[in-house]
Protein backbone atom coordinates (compact mmCIF):
# COMPACT_ATOMS: atom_id res chain seq x y z
CA UNK A 1 42.07 -79.38 -37.91
CA UNK A 2 41.83 -77.96 -34.37
CA UNK A 3 39.03 -76.16 -32.83
CA UNK A 4 39.22 -72.26 -32.29
CA UNK A 5 39.59 -71.42 -28.61
CA UNK A 6 36.30 -70.42 -26.99
CA UNK A 7 35.86 -66.58 -26.43
CA UNK A 8 36.78 -65.74 -22.80
CA UNK A 9 33.74 -64.30 -20.91
CA UNK A 10 34.24 -60.82 -19.43
CA UNK A 11 31.83 -59.23 -16.82
CA UNK A 12 32.00 -55.32 -16.80
CA UNK A 13 30.55 -54.04 -13.54
CA UNK A 14 29.27 -50.46 -12.91
CA UNK A 15 26.88 -48.68 -10.80
CA UNK A 16 24.40 -47.60 -13.48
CA UNK A 17 24.18 -46.96 -17.16
CA UNK A 18 23.28 -43.22 -16.92
CA UNK A 19 25.03 -40.70 -19.14
CA UNK A 20 28.51 -40.39 -17.73
CA UNK A 21 32.17 -40.66 -18.61
CA UNK A 22 32.92 -43.99 -17.09
CA UNK A 23 29.53 -45.36 -18.45
CA UNK A 24 30.24 -44.20 -21.90
CA UNK A 25 33.65 -45.89 -21.86
CA UNK A 26 32.25 -49.13 -20.55
CA UNK A 27 29.53 -49.05 -23.33
CA UNK A 28 32.29 -48.47 -26.09
CA UNK A 29 34.41 -51.20 -24.77
CA UNK A 30 31.64 -53.75 -24.58
CA UNK A 31 30.47 -52.93 -28.08
CA UNK A 32 34.02 -53.05 -29.56
CA UNK A 33 35.58 -56.07 -27.85
CA UNK A 34 36.59 -58.73 -30.49
CA UNK A 35 33.95 -61.41 -30.25
CA UNK A 36 36.28 -64.17 -31.43
CA UNK A 37 38.21 -63.55 -28.26
CA UNK A 38 35.86 -62.06 -25.76
CA UNK A 39 32.23 -62.41 -24.75
CA UNK A 40 31.09 -59.49 -22.66
CA UNK A 41 28.16 -59.14 -20.36
CA UNK A 42 27.30 -56.01 -18.10
CA UNK A 43 26.33 -56.05 -14.42
CA UNK A 44 24.68 -52.93 -13.03
CA UNK A 45 24.52 -52.48 -9.32
CA UNK A 46 21.49 -50.18 -9.31
CA UNK A 47 19.28 -49.75 -12.42
CA UNK A 48 19.86 -49.13 -16.06
CA UNK A 49 19.78 -45.77 -17.88
CA UNK A 50 20.14 -44.03 -21.31
CA UNK A 51 23.30 -45.90 -22.23
CA UNK A 52 21.59 -49.24 -22.00
CA UNK A 53 20.01 -48.71 -25.47
CA UNK A 54 23.49 -47.97 -26.86
CA UNK A 55 24.73 -51.46 -25.89
CA UNK A 56 24.99 -54.04 -28.73
CA UNK A 57 22.25 -56.77 -28.83
CA UNK A 58 24.48 -59.38 -27.91
CA UNK A 59 25.60 -57.79 -24.77
CA UNK A 60 23.46 -59.05 -21.77
CA UNK A 61 22.75 -56.85 -18.88
CA UNK A 62 22.07 -58.07 -15.41
CA UNK A 63 20.49 -55.35 -13.18
CA UNK A 64 20.67 -55.80 -9.35
CA UNK A 65 18.21 -52.87 -8.62
CA UNK A 66 20.04 -52.17 -5.36
CA UNK A 67 18.92 -48.90 -4.09
CA UNK A 68 20.05 -47.03 -0.99
CA UNK A 69 18.75 -48.67 2.17
CA UNK A 70 17.10 -46.60 4.98
CA UNK A 71 18.46 -46.31 8.68
CA UNK A 72 21.71 -44.95 9.91
CA UNK A 73 24.34 -44.15 7.49
CA UNK A 74 27.14 -46.73 8.56
CA UNK A 75 24.60 -49.55 9.09
CA UNK A 76 22.70 -48.73 5.83
CA UNK A 77 26.05 -48.77 3.92
CA UNK A 78 26.95 -52.14 5.38
CA UNK A 79 23.67 -53.72 4.62
CA UNK A 80 23.82 -52.45 1.20
CA UNK A 81 27.26 -53.79 0.65
CA UNK A 82 26.31 -57.16 1.95
CA UNK A 83 23.28 -57.24 -0.43
CA UNK A 84 25.71 -56.20 -3.49
CA UNK A 85 28.14 -58.87 -2.50
CA UNK A 86 25.47 -61.76 -2.29
CA UNK A 87 23.79 -60.49 -5.58
CA UNK A 88 27.12 -60.08 -7.52
CA UNK A 89 28.57 -63.33 -6.41
CA UNK A 90 25.33 -65.09 -7.47
CA UNK A 91 25.60 -63.58 -11.03
CA UNK A 92 29.37 -64.46 -11.20
CA UNK A 93 28.65 -68.18 -10.22
CA UNK A 94 25.87 -68.41 -12.81
CA UNK A 95 27.64 -66.77 -15.64
CA UNK A 96 31.19 -68.05 -14.78
CA UNK A 97 33.16 -65.00 -16.14
CA UNK A 98 36.86 -65.52 -16.75
CA UNK A 99 37.55 -61.90 -15.84
CA UNK A 100 35.80 -59.27 -13.96
CA UNK A 101 36.41 -55.47 -14.81
CA UNK A 102 34.75 -53.12 -12.38
CA UNK A 103 34.33 -49.43 -13.31
CA UNK A 104 34.58 -46.96 -10.36
CA UNK A 105 35.24 -47.66 -6.69
CA UNK A 106 31.87 -49.29 -5.62
CA UNK A 107 32.14 -51.59 -8.58
CA UNK A 108 35.70 -52.52 -8.25
CA UNK A 109 35.77 -52.90 -4.43
CA UNK A 110 32.76 -55.05 -4.06
CA UNK A 111 33.30 -56.61 -7.31
CA UNK A 112 36.80 -57.86 -6.20
CA UNK A 113 35.30 -59.51 -3.19
CA UNK A 114 32.49 -61.10 -5.00
CA UNK A 115 34.64 -62.30 -7.67
CA UNK A 116 36.78 -64.16 -5.25
CA UNK A 117 33.75 -65.51 -3.37
CA UNK A 118 32.59 -67.11 -6.79
CA UNK A 119 36.00 -68.38 -7.76
CA UNK A 120 36.68 -65.78 -10.58
CA UNK A 121 40.43 -66.20 -11.30
CA UNK A 122 41.17 -62.53 -12.66
CA UNK A 123 39.94 -59.12 -11.37
CA UNK A 124 40.72 -55.63 -12.90
CA UNK A 125 39.72 -52.22 -11.44
CA UNK A 126 39.08 -49.24 -13.66
CA UNK A 127 40.26 -45.98 -11.98
CA UNK A 128 38.52 -43.09 -13.72
CA UNK A 129 39.33 -40.05 -11.37
CA UNK A 130 41.17 -38.57 -8.48
CA UNK A 131 39.44 -40.52 -5.83
CA UNK A 132 41.14 -42.63 -3.26
CA UNK A 133 40.24 -44.60 -0.10
CA UNK A 134 40.48 -42.55 3.15
CA UNK A 135 39.37 -42.64 6.64
CA UNK A 136 37.23 -45.74 7.52
CA UNK A 137 37.07 -46.76 3.88
CA UNK A 138 41.04 -47.19 3.86
CA UNK A 139 41.03 -50.81 5.47
CA UNK A 140 38.36 -52.09 2.92
CA UNK A 141 40.33 -50.31 0.07
CA UNK A 142 43.46 -52.04 1.00
CA UNK A 143 41.89 -55.40 1.06
CA UNK A 144 40.37 -54.76 -2.32
CA UNK A 145 43.60 -53.64 -3.69
CA UNK A 146 45.23 -57.03 -2.75
CA UNK A 147 42.44 -58.89 -4.56
CA UNK A 148 42.74 -56.82 -7.74
CA UNK A 149 45.14 -58.18 -10.25
CA UNK A 150 45.46 -54.89 -12.16
CA UNK A 151 44.48 -51.33 -11.83
CA UNK A 152 43.56 -49.73 -15.25
CA UNK A 153 43.93 -45.82 -14.75
CA UNK A 154 42.70 -43.44 -17.50
CA UNK A 155 45.71 -41.12 -17.23
CA UNK A 156 49.12 -40.74 -15.71
CA UNK A 157 47.66 -38.13 -13.31
CA UNK A 158 45.16 -40.80 -11.85
CA UNK A 159 47.86 -43.38 -11.61
CA UNK A 160 50.38 -41.26 -9.80
CA UNK A 161 47.60 -39.86 -7.59
CA UNK A 162 46.53 -43.43 -6.57
CA UNK A 163 50.16 -44.74 -6.19
CA UNK A 164 50.94 -41.74 -3.82
CA UNK A 165 47.89 -41.97 -1.64
CA UNK A 166 47.20 -45.67 -1.53
CA UNK A 167 50.61 -47.00 -1.92
CA UNK A 168 49.71 -49.05 -5.12
CA UNK A 169 52.38 -51.40 -6.67
CA UNK A 170 53.35 -49.56 -9.98
CA UNK A 171 53.90 -52.80 -11.69
CA UNK A 172 50.22 -53.66 -10.99
CA UNK A 173 49.01 -50.48 -12.74
CA UNK A 174 48.67 -49.47 -16.33
CA UNK A 175 47.35 -46.42 -18.29
CA UNK A 176 44.72 -46.79 -20.84
CA UNK A 177 43.42 -43.46 -22.05
CA UNK A 178 39.77 -43.07 -22.69
CA UNK A 179 38.71 -43.65 -26.28
CA UNK A 180 36.60 -41.31 -28.36
CA UNK A 181 34.79 -41.56 -31.59
CA UNK A 182 35.82 -38.66 -33.71
CA UNK A 183 32.94 -37.18 -35.84
CA UNK A 184 33.47 -36.17 -39.53
CA UNK A 185 34.88 -32.65 -40.03
CA UNK A 186 32.53 -29.76 -40.84
CA UNK A 187 29.66 -30.68 -38.76
CA UNK A 188 28.74 -27.76 -36.71
CA UNK A 189 25.66 -27.58 -34.37
CA UNK A 190 23.08 -24.81 -34.79
CA UNK A 191 23.22 -22.89 -31.35
CA UNK A 192 20.02 -21.33 -29.92
CA UNK A 193 20.13 -17.49 -30.84
CA UNK A 194 20.31 -16.51 -27.10
CA UNK A 195 23.46 -18.33 -26.81
CA UNK A 196 25.07 -15.97 -29.11
CA UNK A 197 25.54 -12.18 -28.33
CA UNK A 198 27.04 -11.14 -31.78
CA UNK A 199 30.46 -11.98 -30.87
CA UNK A 200 32.43 -15.21 -30.06
CA UNK A 201 30.70 -17.66 -28.04
CA UNK A 202 32.24 -20.19 -25.71
CA UNK A 203 30.82 -23.17 -23.60
CA UNK A 204 31.79 -24.41 -20.27
CA UNK A 205 30.44 -27.98 -19.87
CA UNK A 206 30.76 -28.83 -16.31
CA UNK A 207 28.64 -29.76 -13.28
CA UNK A 208 28.04 -26.75 -10.99
CA UNK A 209 30.44 -27.99 -8.25
CA UNK A 210 32.97 -26.19 -6.27
CA UNK A 211 36.17 -27.79 -7.72
CA UNK A 212 35.08 -26.93 -11.29
CA UNK A 213 36.11 -23.44 -10.82
CA UNK A 214 32.93 -21.50 -11.86
CA UNK A 215 33.58 -18.45 -9.48
CA UNK A 216 36.91 -17.76 -11.01
CA UNK A 217 35.73 -18.20 -14.48
CA UNK A 218 32.90 -15.67 -14.05
CA UNK A 219 35.28 -13.09 -12.55
CA UNK A 220 37.45 -13.60 -15.53
CA UNK A 221 34.48 -13.12 -17.97
CA UNK A 222 33.52 -9.92 -16.13
CA UNK A 223 37.03 -8.67 -17.19
CA UNK A 224 36.53 -9.96 -20.74
CA UNK A 225 33.17 -8.34 -21.12
CA UNK A 226 34.69 -4.72 -20.61
CA UNK A 227 36.86 -5.37 -23.90
CA UNK A 228 34.33 -7.65 -25.58
CA UNK A 229 30.77 -6.78 -24.55
CA UNK A 230 29.47 -9.11 -27.32
CA UNK A 231 31.26 -12.32 -26.01
CA UNK A 232 28.90 -15.01 -24.65
CA UNK A 233 29.70 -17.94 -22.14
CA UNK A 234 27.23 -20.60 -21.94
CA UNK A 235 27.34 -22.76 -18.84
CA UNK A 236 26.06 -26.21 -19.50
CA UNK A 237 25.43 -28.38 -16.40
CA UNK A 238 23.70 -28.53 -12.96
CA UNK A 239 24.74 -28.97 -9.44
CA UNK A 240 24.82 -27.82 -5.82
CA UNK A 241 26.36 -24.38 -6.61
CA UNK A 242 23.93 -23.20 -9.09
CA UNK A 243 22.12 -20.58 -6.74
CA UNK A 244 25.30 -19.24 -5.64
CA UNK A 245 26.66 -18.82 -9.30
CA UNK A 246 23.60 -17.22 -10.47
CA UNK A 247 23.80 -14.70 -7.66
CA UNK A 248 27.43 -14.06 -8.37
CA UNK A 249 26.73 -13.60 -12.18
CA UNK A 250 24.21 -10.90 -11.26
CA UNK A 251 26.49 -9.10 -8.92
CA UNK A 252 29.03 -9.00 -11.46
CA UNK A 253 26.70 -7.59 -14.02
CA UNK A 254 27.02 -10.53 -16.43
CA UNK A 255 23.26 -10.95 -17.34
CA UNK A 256 23.99 -10.33 -21.10
CA UNK A 257 27.40 -12.37 -21.08
CA UNK A 258 26.54 -15.63 -19.27
CA UNK A 259 23.81 -18.16 -19.98
CA UNK A 260 22.83 -20.86 -17.46
CA UNK A 261 21.73 -23.57 -19.94
CA UNK A 262 21.25 -26.33 -17.48
CA UNK A 263 21.93 -29.96 -18.14
CA UNK A 264 22.08 -31.01 -21.71
CA UNK A 265 22.34 -34.58 -22.82
CA UNK A 266 23.40 -33.24 -26.24
CA UNK A 267 26.29 -31.21 -24.92
CA UNK A 268 29.01 -33.10 -26.88
CA UNK A 269 27.18 -32.38 -30.15
CA UNK A 270 26.42 -28.78 -29.07
CA UNK A 271 30.16 -28.19 -28.45
CA UNK A 272 30.87 -28.19 -32.20
CA UNK A 273 28.68 -24.86 -32.60
CA UNK A 274 30.98 -22.85 -30.33
CA UNK A 275 34.17 -21.04 -31.09
CA UNK A 276 35.94 -22.67 -28.17
CA UNK A 277 35.26 -24.10 -24.76
CA UNK A 278 36.36 -23.32 -21.18
CA UNK A 279 37.37 -25.43 -18.20
CA UNK A 280 38.29 -23.96 -14.86
CA UNK A 281 38.90 -26.91 -12.66
CA UNK A 282 41.10 -27.06 -9.58
CA UNK A 283 41.63 -30.68 -10.21
CA UNK A 284 40.78 -33.23 -13.11
CA UNK A 285 41.74 -36.93 -13.49
CA UNK A 286 41.17 -36.92 -17.31
CA UNK A 287 38.20 -34.67 -18.45
CA UNK A 288 36.23 -36.18 -21.02
CA UNK A 289 34.72 -32.81 -21.89
CA UNK A 290 38.24 -31.69 -23.24
CA UNK A 291 38.22 -34.89 -25.41
CA UNK A 292 34.85 -34.17 -26.69
CA UNK A 293 35.67 -30.56 -27.57
CA UNK A 294 38.81 -31.35 -29.36
CA UNK A 295 37.37 -34.29 -31.33
CA UNK A 296 34.98 -31.68 -32.82
CA UNK A 297 37.82 -29.32 -33.68
CA UNK A 298 36.97 -26.89 -31.02
CA UNK A 299 40.00 -25.53 -28.92
CA UNK A 300 40.02 -25.32 -25.17
CA UNK A 301 40.93 -22.69 -22.64
CA UNK A 302 41.55 -24.72 -19.46
CA UNK A 303 43.50 -24.72 -16.08
CA UNK A 304 46.70 -26.60 -16.35
CA UNK A 305 45.72 -29.36 -13.82
CA UNK A 306 45.91 -33.23 -13.64
CA UNK A 307 45.20 -35.16 -16.85
CA UNK A 308 44.51 -31.99 -18.77
CA UNK A 309 48.24 -31.66 -19.38
CA UNK A 310 48.10 -35.10 -21.17
CA UNK A 311 45.41 -33.82 -23.39
CA UNK A 312 46.40 -30.16 -24.39
CA UNK A 313 49.67 -28.73 -25.32
CA UNK A 314 49.65 -25.10 -24.64
CA UNK A 315 49.43 -23.01 -27.66
CA UNK A 316 48.90 -26.06 -29.96
CA UNK A 317 45.52 -27.47 -28.86
CA UNK A 318 44.41 -24.57 -26.65
CA UNK A 319 45.60 -22.32 -24.00
CA UNK A 320 46.49 -23.35 -20.39
CA UNK A 321 46.41 -21.12 -17.31
CA UNK A 322 47.16 -21.63 -13.64
CA UNK A 323 44.27 -22.43 -11.35
CA UNK A 324 42.89 -19.24 -9.56
CA UNK A 325 44.70 -16.86 -11.88
CA UNK A 326 41.73 -14.88 -12.94
CA UNK A 327 43.84 -12.33 -15.04
CA UNK A 328 45.54 -15.26 -16.99
CA UNK A 329 41.98 -16.88 -17.53
CA UNK A 330 40.65 -13.71 -18.88
CA UNK A 331 43.84 -12.99 -21.06
CA UNK A 332 43.43 -16.55 -22.57
CA UNK A 333 39.76 -16.10 -23.25
CA UNK A 334 40.46 -12.70 -25.04
CA UNK A 335 43.33 -14.25 -26.90
CA UNK A 336 40.92 -16.77 -28.31
CA UNK A 337 38.41 -13.96 -29.16
CA UNK A 338 40.81 -11.96 -30.99
CA UNK A 339 42.76 -14.64 -32.84
CA UNK A 340 40.07 -16.55 -34.92
CA UNK A 341 42.70 -18.00 -37.51
CA UNK A 342 44.86 -19.34 -34.79
CA UNK A 343 41.98 -20.64 -32.91
CA UNK A 344 40.74 -22.69 -35.96
CA UNK A 345 44.34 -24.15 -36.41
CA UNK A 346 44.27 -25.21 -32.80
CA UNK A 347 41.01 -26.97 -33.13
CA UNK A 348 42.25 -28.87 -36.16
CA UNK A 349 45.39 -29.89 -34.34
CA UNK A 350 43.35 -31.13 -31.41
CA UNK A 351 40.88 -33.05 -33.82
CA UNK A 352 43.85 -34.68 -35.48
CA UNK A 353 45.38 -35.70 -32.18
CA UNK A 354 42.11 -37.17 -30.83
CA UNK A 355 41.79 -39.29 -33.96
CA UNK A 356 45.43 -40.61 -33.91
CA UNK A 357 46.15 -41.07 -30.15
CA UNK A 358 42.66 -41.23 -28.44
CA UNK A 359 40.51 -43.12 -30.70
CA UNK A 360 38.06 -45.73 -29.26
CA UNK A 361 39.75 -48.39 -31.42
CA UNK A 362 43.04 -47.70 -29.67
CA UNK A 363 41.34 -47.97 -26.14
CA UNK A 364 39.79 -51.20 -26.86
CA UNK A 365 43.01 -52.64 -28.43
CA UNK A 366 44.91 -51.73 -25.33
CA UNK A 367 42.33 -53.16 -23.10
CA UNK A 368 42.15 -56.43 -24.95
CA UNK A 369 46.00 -56.72 -24.73
CA UNK A 370 45.75 -56.45 -20.91
CA UNK A 371 42.94 -59.10 -20.82
CA UNK A 372 44.99 -61.46 -22.90
CA UNK A 373 48.10 -61.14 -20.73
CA UNK A 374 46.22 -61.55 -17.36
CA UNK A 375 44.07 -64.62 -18.72
CA UNK A 376 47.31 -66.23 -20.13
CA UNK A 377 48.55 -66.43 -16.48
CA UNK A 378 51.25 -64.05 -16.86
CA UNK A 379 51.89 -61.65 -14.02
CA UNK A 380 51.48 -58.01 -14.83
CA UNK A 381 54.72 -56.35 -15.77
CA UNK A 382 55.93 -53.02 -15.16
CA UNK A 383 55.03 -50.57 -17.78
């Protein structure tokens, strides 16, 4: 009788474990990896966060506690980079991972160099959005890309963006969509009374940043309010554009129509209490907020950008409009308000698609297959 092969050790590296899309995906992967084949541990470049408590008990967490250093910007970044490399390499030498998987640029760039310093054989990068190396970062990024065996992108949009701008070898890229846990049907959150105006209510869960398209959405709501004065849009999030958006909302006379709810950690659960959600971005890699909405049976009105097109079929799971077309956005919102039965069917279709095609189990299985391929010594094959 032969002994079963030992589980291969996997290091999952990320900046922190605060609530966020990449951090949530890492947590789900760490918890779900088949322990007969893989033994995960997490390395956090800075400190922990809320998601640390969500990790399984058998997943060790190594915190490097590396904060921003003072001094001139370039010098400070170089100093921090050197400290991260030394600390990461020390962890890798001690824990001897068979594979390192870095989430987001800082983790996979510095992780790739530290892994090679420590003699780790396999390095995987997790690309989670439309970010590429440019300017002074480009030479460093190119070095890191040569050290990375495979780039796992969370959407076709992210992959094509990186290939076009960094010249990645397509054969060394794969797409593994984010995974989501679909709640049981019929669970609807109770919303605060001030979030409903007597009519339909929609949520826009997005940081208050310029590319999220809040100004265009507010102008669209001003048009909607003329025909549907009881409609209420709840903005969940915070960011640098907050003051400007509050001012714009007042200038448009939307005090009764728009609620600024701030940051809400329970936003995914709260979505289930709305009639539909809204996303107005100018660009998106693969928006988790759309997945969270559809998983709860809530259809989406969104701009037709990036990875949104891989999640929503127009007229099936929601309504898609061109970015910047205020009239089209207003029309899609009014259509949702005026067609509750069709809206409900869209939500059900979205929930069914999330369960079948974007489950956490599917994400974990696809990632495990990539790990097995790389650890077997086979070169990544073209998709």
